[in-house]
C-alpha atoms as a PDB file:
ATOM      1  CA  MET A   1      71.487 153.119  86.439  1.00  0.00           C
ATOM      2  CA  GLY A   2      73.735 153.804  83.524  1.00  0.00           C
ATOM      3  CA  LYS A   3      74.433 151.721  80.609  1.00  0.00           C
ATOM      4  CA  ALA A   4      77.811 149.672  81.994  1.00  0.00           C
ATOM      5  CA  VAL A   5      75.536 148.584  84.969  1.00  0.00           C
ATOM      6  CA  LEU A   6      72.901 147.152  82.876  1.00  0.00           C
ATOM      7  CA  ASP A   7      75.929 145.449  80.682  1.00  0.00           C
ATOM      8  CA  THR A   8      77.626 144.207  84.162  1.00  0.00           C
ATOM      9  CA  GLU A   9      74.618 142.929  85.662  1.00  0.00           C
ATOM     10  CA  ARG A  10      73.253 141.468  81.698  1.00  0.00           C
ATOM     11  CA  PHE A  11      76.877 139.410  81.584  1.00  0.00           C
ATOM     12  CA  LEU A  12      76.890 138.235  85.577  1.00  0.00           C
ATOM     13  CA  LYS A  13      73.558 137.139  84.801  1.00  0.00           C
ATOM     14  CA  LYS A  14      75.049 134.810  81.671  1.00  0.00           C
ATOM     15  CA  ILE A  15      77.684 133.954  83.979  1.00  0.00           C
ATOM     16  CA  ASP A  16      75.138 132.050  86.149  1.00  0.00           C
ATOM     17  CA  ASP A  17      73.217 130.996  83.504  1.00  0.00           C
ATOM     18  CA  THR A  18      76.203 129.108  82.082  1.00  0.00           C
ATOM     19  CA  GLN A  19      77.138 128.025  85.264  1.00  0.00           C
ATOM     20  CA  ARG A  20      73.684 126.374  86.021  1.00  0.00           C
ATOM     21  CA  GLN A  21      74.021 124.483  82.809  1.00  0.00           C
ATOM     22  CA  LEU A  22      77.536 123.083  83.380  1.00  0.00           C
ATOM     23  CA  GLU A  23      75.976 121.775  87.004  1.00  0.00           C
ATOM     24  CA  LEU A  24      73.243 119.972  84.962  1.00  0.00           C
ATOM     25  CA  LEU A  25      75.303 118.666  82.377  1.00  0.00           C
ATOM     26  CA  LYS A  26      77.693 117.357  85.156  1.00  0.00           C
ATOM     27  CA  ARG A  27      74.833 115.731  86.950  1.00  0.00           C
ATOM     28  CA  ASP A  28      73.461 114.149  83.681  1.00  0.00           C
ATOM     29  CA  LEU A  29      76.934 112.926  82.932  1.00  0.00           C
ATOM     30  CA  MET A  30      77.608 111.254  86.562  1.00  0.00           C
ATOM     31  CA  LYS A  31      74.006 109.449  86.002  1.00  0.00           C
ATOM     32  CA  ASN A  32      75.175 108.285  83.111  1.00  0.00           C
ATOM     33  CA  ILE A  33      78.463 106.554  83.970  1.00  0.00           C
ATOM     34  CA  GLN A  34      78.517 103.182  84.743  1.00  0.00           C
ATOM     35  CA  PRO A  35      80.980 101.648  87.331  1.00  0.00           C
ATOM     36  CA  THR A  36      83.999  99.944  85.592  1.00  0.00           C
ATOM     37  CA  LYS A  37      83.801  96.252  86.686  1.00  0.00           C
ATOM     38  CA  VAL A  38      86.954  94.500  87.936  1.00  0.00           C
ATOM     39  CA  LYS A  39      87.857  91.472  86.097  1.00  0.00           C
ATOM     40  CA  LYS A  40      88.919  89.133  88.388  1.00  0.00           C
ATOM     41  CA  SER A  41      92.122  86.977  87.405  1.00  0.00           C
ATOM     42  CA  SER A  42      91.892  83.831  87.792  1.00  0.00           C
ATOM     43  CA  LEU A  43      95.156  80.964  88.165  1.00  0.00           C
ATOM     44  CA  TYR A  44      93.259  78.470  86.787  1.00  0.00           C
ATOM     45  CA  GLY A  45      94.627  76.834  84.114  1.00  0.00           C
ATOM     46  CA  SER A  46      98.046  78.505  84.645  1.00  0.00           C
ATOM     47  CA  VAL A  47      99.323  75.670  86.338  1.00  0.00           C
ATOM     48  CA  LYS A  48     100.027  72.149  84.473  1.00  0.00           C
ATOM     49  CA  GLY A  49      99.725  69.102  86.538  1.00  0.00           C
ATOM     50  CA  GLY A  50      98.020  69.843  90.043  1.00  0.00           C
ATOM     51  CA  ASP A  51      98.798  72.059  93.003  1.00  0.00           C
ATOM     52  CA  ILE A  52     101.409  74.694  93.244  1.00  0.00           C
ATOM     53  CA  THR A  53     103.918  74.174  96.029  1.00  0.00           C
ATOM     54  CA  GLU A  54     106.274  76.556  97.852  1.00  0.00           C
ATOM     55  CA  GLU A  55     109.223  75.985  95.152  1.00  0.00           C
ATOM     56  CA  MET A  56     107.076  76.932  92.322  1.00  0.00           C
ATOM     57  CA  ILE A  57     106.261  79.864  94.398  1.00  0.00           C
ATOM     58  CA  ASP A  58     109.637  80.814  95.287  1.00  0.00           C
ATOM     59  CA  GLU A  59     111.106  80.303  92.030  1.00  0.00           C
ATOM     60  CA  ALA A  60     108.197  82.875  90.981  1.00  0.00           C
ATOM     61  CA  LYS A  61     109.473  85.341  93.485  1.00  0.00           C
ATOM     62  CA  ARG A  62     112.900  84.889  92.185  1.00  0.00           C
ATOM     63  CA  SER A  63     112.083  85.774  88.701  1.00  0.00           C
ATOM     64  CA  LEU A  64     109.961  88.413  89.840  1.00  0.00           C
ATOM     65  CA  PHE A  65     112.028  90.184  92.701  1.00  0.00           C
ATOM     66  CA  ARG A  66     115.969  90.628  91.779  1.00  0.00           C
ATOM     67  CA  GLU A  67     118.396  90.127  95.091  1.00  0.00           C
ATOM     68  CA  LEU A  68     119.284  92.625  97.166  1.00  0.00           C
ATOM     69  CA  SER A  69     123.389  92.356  96.118  1.00  0.00           C
ATOM     70  CA  ASP A  70     121.845  93.308  92.663  1.00  0.00           C
ATOM     71  CA  ILE A  71     120.446  96.796  93.340  1.00  0.00           C
END
C-alpha cells in the first residue's frame, strides 16, 4: 500500500474516533438534562373581593383584544 492510502485510512479512523467521542458526549449530556418544570400560574389573590363575574371576564377580554373595526 502506498503512503497516500495509509494517510487516508489513518485520517478516516481519526474521524470515526471523533464521531464516537461526540456520540458519547451527546449521550452523557442528554442523561444530565433535567426536564424543566412548568410553573403553574394561579389566579389566587389576583381578584379582590370574591368570585370572578362574567362582567369581569368581558372587561378583561375587551382590554386584551381589540375590536375588528380597530384593525
